[in-house]
N, C-alpha and C. Protein backbone atom coordinates (compact mmCIF):
# COMPACT_ATOMS: atom_id res chain seq x y z
N MET A 1 22.06 245.81 300.51
CA MET A 1 21.22 244.78 299.93
C MET A 1 19.75 245.17 300.09
N GLY A 2 18.93 244.81 299.11
CA GLY A 2 17.52 245.16 299.14
C GLY A 2 16.72 244.26 300.06
N GLN A 3 15.45 244.51 300.07
CA GLN A 3 14.54 243.70 300.87
C GLN A 3 14.45 242.29 300.30
N TRP A 4 14.36 241.32 301.17
CA TRP A 4 14.27 239.93 300.74
C TRP A 4 12.84 239.58 300.35
N THR A 5 12.70 238.77 299.32
CA THR A 5 11.40 238.35 298.82
C THR A 5 11.39 236.83 298.67
N VAL A 6 10.32 236.22 299.15
CA VAL A 6 10.06 234.80 298.89
C VAL A 6 9.15 234.78 297.67
N TYR A 7 9.43 233.88 296.73
CA TYR A 7 8.63 233.84 295.51
C TYR A 7 8.29 232.41 295.14
N VAL A 8 7.20 232.30 294.38
CA VAL A 8 6.79 231.00 293.83
C VAL A 8 6.64 231.17 292.33
N LEU A 9 7.24 230.23 291.60
CA LEU A 9 7.15 230.20 290.14
C LEU A 9 6.30 229.01 289.71
N ARG A 10 5.52 229.21 288.66
CA ARG A 10 4.83 228.09 288.01
C ARG A 10 5.67 227.74 286.79
N CYS A 11 6.13 226.51 286.76
CA CYS A 11 7.01 226.05 285.68
C CYS A 11 6.20 225.60 284.48
N GLY A 12 6.89 225.41 283.37
CA GLY A 12 6.25 224.99 282.13
C GLY A 12 5.51 223.67 282.24
N ASP A 13 5.92 222.81 283.18
CA ASP A 13 5.23 221.52 283.38
C ASP A 13 4.16 221.61 284.47
N ASP A 14 3.82 222.84 284.89
CA ASP A 14 2.81 223.16 285.90
C ASP A 14 3.25 222.82 287.32
N SER A 15 4.51 222.50 287.52
CA SER A 15 5.01 222.31 288.88
C SER A 15 5.30 223.69 289.49
N LEU A 16 5.48 223.73 290.80
CA LEU A 16 5.74 224.98 291.51
C LEU A 16 7.15 224.96 292.11
N TYR A 17 7.84 226.08 292.00
CA TYR A 17 9.19 226.23 292.53
C TYR A 17 9.19 227.42 293.48
N THR A 18 9.79 227.27 294.65
CA THR A 18 9.85 228.34 295.64
C THR A 18 11.29 228.73 295.89
N GLY A 19 11.56 230.03 295.99
CA GLY A 19 12.90 230.52 296.26
C GLY A 19 12.89 231.86 296.96
N VAL A 20 14.09 232.40 297.21
CA VAL A 20 14.23 233.72 297.84
C VAL A 20 15.21 234.56 297.03
N THR A 21 15.04 235.88 297.07
CA THR A 21 15.91 236.79 296.34
C THR A 21 15.76 238.20 296.89
N THR A 22 16.69 239.07 296.48
CA THR A 22 16.56 240.50 296.79
C THR A 22 16.18 241.28 295.53
N ASP A 23 16.16 240.62 294.39
CA ASP A 23 15.80 241.27 293.12
C ASP A 23 14.96 240.30 292.30
N ILE A 24 13.67 240.39 292.46
CA ILE A 24 12.76 239.41 291.88
C ILE A 24 12.79 239.42 290.34
N GLU A 25 12.84 240.59 289.74
CA GLU A 25 12.85 240.68 288.27
C GLU A 25 14.10 240.00 287.70
N ARG A 26 15.25 240.28 288.30
CA ARG A 26 16.50 239.66 287.85
C ARG A 26 16.44 238.15 288.01
N ARG A 27 15.92 237.70 289.16
CA ARG A 27 15.91 236.26 289.46
C ARG A 27 14.99 235.49 288.52
N VAL A 28 13.82 236.02 288.23
CA VAL A 28 12.91 235.35 287.30
C VAL A 28 13.55 235.28 285.91
N ASN A 29 14.21 236.36 285.51
CA ASN A 29 14.92 236.36 284.23
C ASN A 29 16.01 235.28 284.21
N GLU A 30 16.74 235.13 285.30
CA GLU A 30 17.76 234.09 285.38
C GLU A 30 17.14 232.70 285.26
N HIS A 31 16.03 232.49 285.94
CA HIS A 31 15.36 231.18 285.85
C HIS A 31 14.93 230.88 284.41
N ASN A 32 14.53 231.89 283.67
CA ASN A 32 14.04 231.68 282.31
C ASN A 32 15.13 231.65 281.25
N HIS A 33 16.26 232.34 281.47
CA HIS A 33 17.20 232.54 280.37
C HIS A 33 18.66 232.20 280.66
N ASP A 34 19.06 232.05 281.89
CA ASP A 34 20.48 231.88 282.20
C ASP A 34 20.77 230.47 282.69
N ASN A 35 21.48 229.69 281.92
CA ASN A 35 21.76 228.31 282.29
C ASN A 35 22.71 228.17 283.46
N LYS A 36 23.54 229.17 283.70
CA LYS A 36 24.49 229.09 284.82
C LYS A 36 23.86 229.51 286.14
N LEU A 37 22.95 230.48 286.11
CA LEU A 37 22.39 231.02 287.35
C LEU A 37 21.01 230.48 287.70
N ALA A 38 20.33 229.89 286.74
CA ALA A 38 19.02 229.30 287.04
C ALA A 38 19.23 228.05 287.88
N SER A 39 18.23 227.71 288.68
CA SER A 39 18.32 226.47 289.43
C SER A 39 18.23 225.30 288.45
N SER A 40 18.84 224.19 288.82
CA SER A 40 18.78 223.02 287.94
C SER A 40 17.33 222.56 287.75
N TYR A 41 16.49 222.79 288.76
CA TYR A 41 15.09 222.39 288.67
C TYR A 41 14.37 223.18 287.57
N THR A 42 14.54 224.49 287.54
CA THR A 42 13.81 225.30 286.57
C THR A 42 14.41 225.26 285.17
N ARG A 43 15.70 224.96 285.07
CA ARG A 43 16.35 224.91 283.74
C ARG A 43 15.64 223.94 282.80
N SER A 44 15.17 222.84 283.35
CA SER A 44 14.52 221.83 282.50
C SER A 44 13.00 221.97 282.47
N ARG A 45 12.49 223.04 283.07
CA ARG A 45 11.02 223.21 283.15
C ARG A 45 10.58 224.60 282.69
N ARG A 46 11.32 225.16 281.77
CA ARG A 46 11.00 226.50 281.27
C ARG A 46 9.84 226.44 280.29
N PRO A 47 9.11 227.54 280.12
CA PRO A 47 9.30 228.82 280.80
C PRO A 47 8.68 228.79 282.19
N VAL A 48 9.16 229.70 283.04
CA VAL A 48 8.58 229.85 284.37
C VAL A 48 7.85 231.18 284.43
N LYS A 49 6.83 231.23 285.28
CA LYS A 49 6.03 232.44 285.45
C LYS A 49 5.92 232.74 286.93
N LEU A 50 6.15 233.97 287.32
CA LEU A 50 6.02 234.38 288.71
C LEU A 50 4.54 234.41 289.09
N VAL A 51 4.17 233.66 290.15
CA VAL A 51 2.77 233.60 290.55
C VAL A 51 2.53 234.08 291.98
N TYR A 52 3.61 234.27 292.77
CA TYR A 52 3.42 234.69 294.16
C TYR A 52 4.70 235.32 294.68
N THR A 53 4.57 236.42 295.43
CA THR A 53 5.70 237.03 296.14
C THR A 53 5.26 237.41 297.54
N GLU A 54 6.21 237.41 298.44
CA GLU A 54 5.97 237.81 299.83
C GLU A 54 7.24 238.48 300.35
N ALA A 55 7.11 239.72 300.82
CA ALA A 55 8.25 240.47 301.33
C ALA A 55 8.63 239.99 302.73
N CYS A 56 9.93 239.96 303.00
CA CYS A 56 10.45 239.57 304.31
C CYS A 56 11.47 240.62 304.76
N ASP A 57 11.63 240.75 306.06
CA ASP A 57 12.53 241.77 306.60
C ASP A 57 14.00 241.45 306.43
N ASP A 58 14.35 240.17 306.47
CA ASP A 58 15.77 239.80 306.35
C ASP A 58 15.91 238.41 305.75
N HIS A 59 17.15 238.04 305.48
CA HIS A 59 17.44 236.77 304.82
C HIS A 59 16.96 235.58 305.65
N SER A 60 17.18 235.64 306.94
CA SER A 60 16.77 234.55 307.82
C SER A 60 15.26 234.33 307.77
N GLN A 61 14.52 235.40 307.87
CA GLN A 61 13.05 235.31 307.82
C GLN A 61 12.60 234.76 306.47
N ALA A 62 13.25 235.20 305.40
CA ALA A 62 12.89 234.74 304.05
C ALA A 62 13.14 233.24 303.91
N LEU A 63 14.27 232.76 304.43
CA LEU A 63 14.58 231.33 304.34
C LEU A 63 13.60 230.48 305.15
N LYS A 64 13.21 230.99 306.32
CA LYS A 64 12.24 230.27 307.14
C LYS A 64 10.89 230.20 306.44
N ARG A 65 10.48 231.30 305.82
CA ARG A 65 9.21 231.31 305.11
C ARG A 65 9.27 230.42 303.87
N GLU A 66 10.39 230.43 303.16
CA GLU A 66 10.58 229.55 302.01
C GLU A 66 10.39 228.09 302.42
N MET A 67 11.02 227.70 303.51
CA MET A 67 10.90 226.31 303.98
C MET A 67 9.46 225.99 304.37
N GLY A 68 8.78 226.97 304.98
CA GLY A 68 7.38 226.77 305.35
C GLY A 68 6.51 226.54 304.12
N ILE A 69 6.74 227.31 303.07
CA ILE A 69 5.97 227.14 301.84
C ILE A 69 6.29 225.81 301.18
N LYS A 70 7.57 225.43 301.16
CA LYS A 70 7.97 224.17 300.54
C LYS A 70 7.34 222.96 301.23
N LYS A 71 7.02 223.09 302.51
CA LYS A 71 6.42 221.98 303.25
C LYS A 71 4.91 221.85 303.01
N LEU A 72 4.31 222.88 302.41
CA LEU A 72 2.88 222.84 302.15
C LEU A 72 2.55 221.82 301.07
N LYS A 73 1.36 221.28 301.14
CA LYS A 73 0.87 220.40 300.08
C LYS A 73 0.50 221.26 298.87
N ARG A 74 0.43 220.65 297.73
CA ARG A 74 0.15 221.37 296.48
C ARG A 74 -1.13 222.21 296.59
N LYS A 75 -2.18 221.64 297.15
CA LYS A 75 -3.45 222.35 297.30
C LYS A 75 -3.29 223.62 298.15
N GLN A 76 -2.50 223.52 299.20
CA GLN A 76 -2.25 224.66 300.08
C GLN A 76 -1.44 225.74 299.36
N LYS A 77 -0.49 225.33 298.55
CA LYS A 77 0.29 226.30 297.77
C LYS A 77 -0.59 227.02 296.77
N GLU A 78 -1.47 226.27 296.12
CA GLU A 78 -2.40 226.88 295.15
C GLU A 78 -3.32 227.89 295.84
N ALA A 79 -3.76 227.59 297.06
CA ALA A 79 -4.61 228.51 297.82
C ALA A 79 -3.83 229.76 298.18
N LEU A 80 -2.57 229.62 298.51
CA LEU A 80 -1.72 230.77 298.83
C LEU A 80 -1.56 231.66 297.61
N ILE A 81 -1.38 231.07 296.45
CA ILE A 81 -1.19 231.81 295.20
C ILE A 81 -2.44 232.60 294.83
N VAL A 82 -3.61 232.03 295.08
CA VAL A 82 -4.88 232.68 294.71
C VAL A 82 -5.15 233.92 295.56
N LYS A 83 -4.67 233.95 296.79
CA LYS A 83 -4.95 235.09 297.69
C LYS A 83 -4.65 236.42 297.11
């Protein structure tokens, strides 16, 4: 398995979605085009655009970082994306 990545997508309605994957290109494509593999959240908010990625050493670290990002307020997430 490849390196784990935490990612943030900007959805068509300008909301932000955070997830984890080992293949960022495949996952963004799934969010945009695959009704079975996309999250239910992004399916109704297409198109999505990748706005942030962060590499993690393992799945556990990626999930912890994902939860940390999800707990941030919108303004804090926007500041993270701008970095």
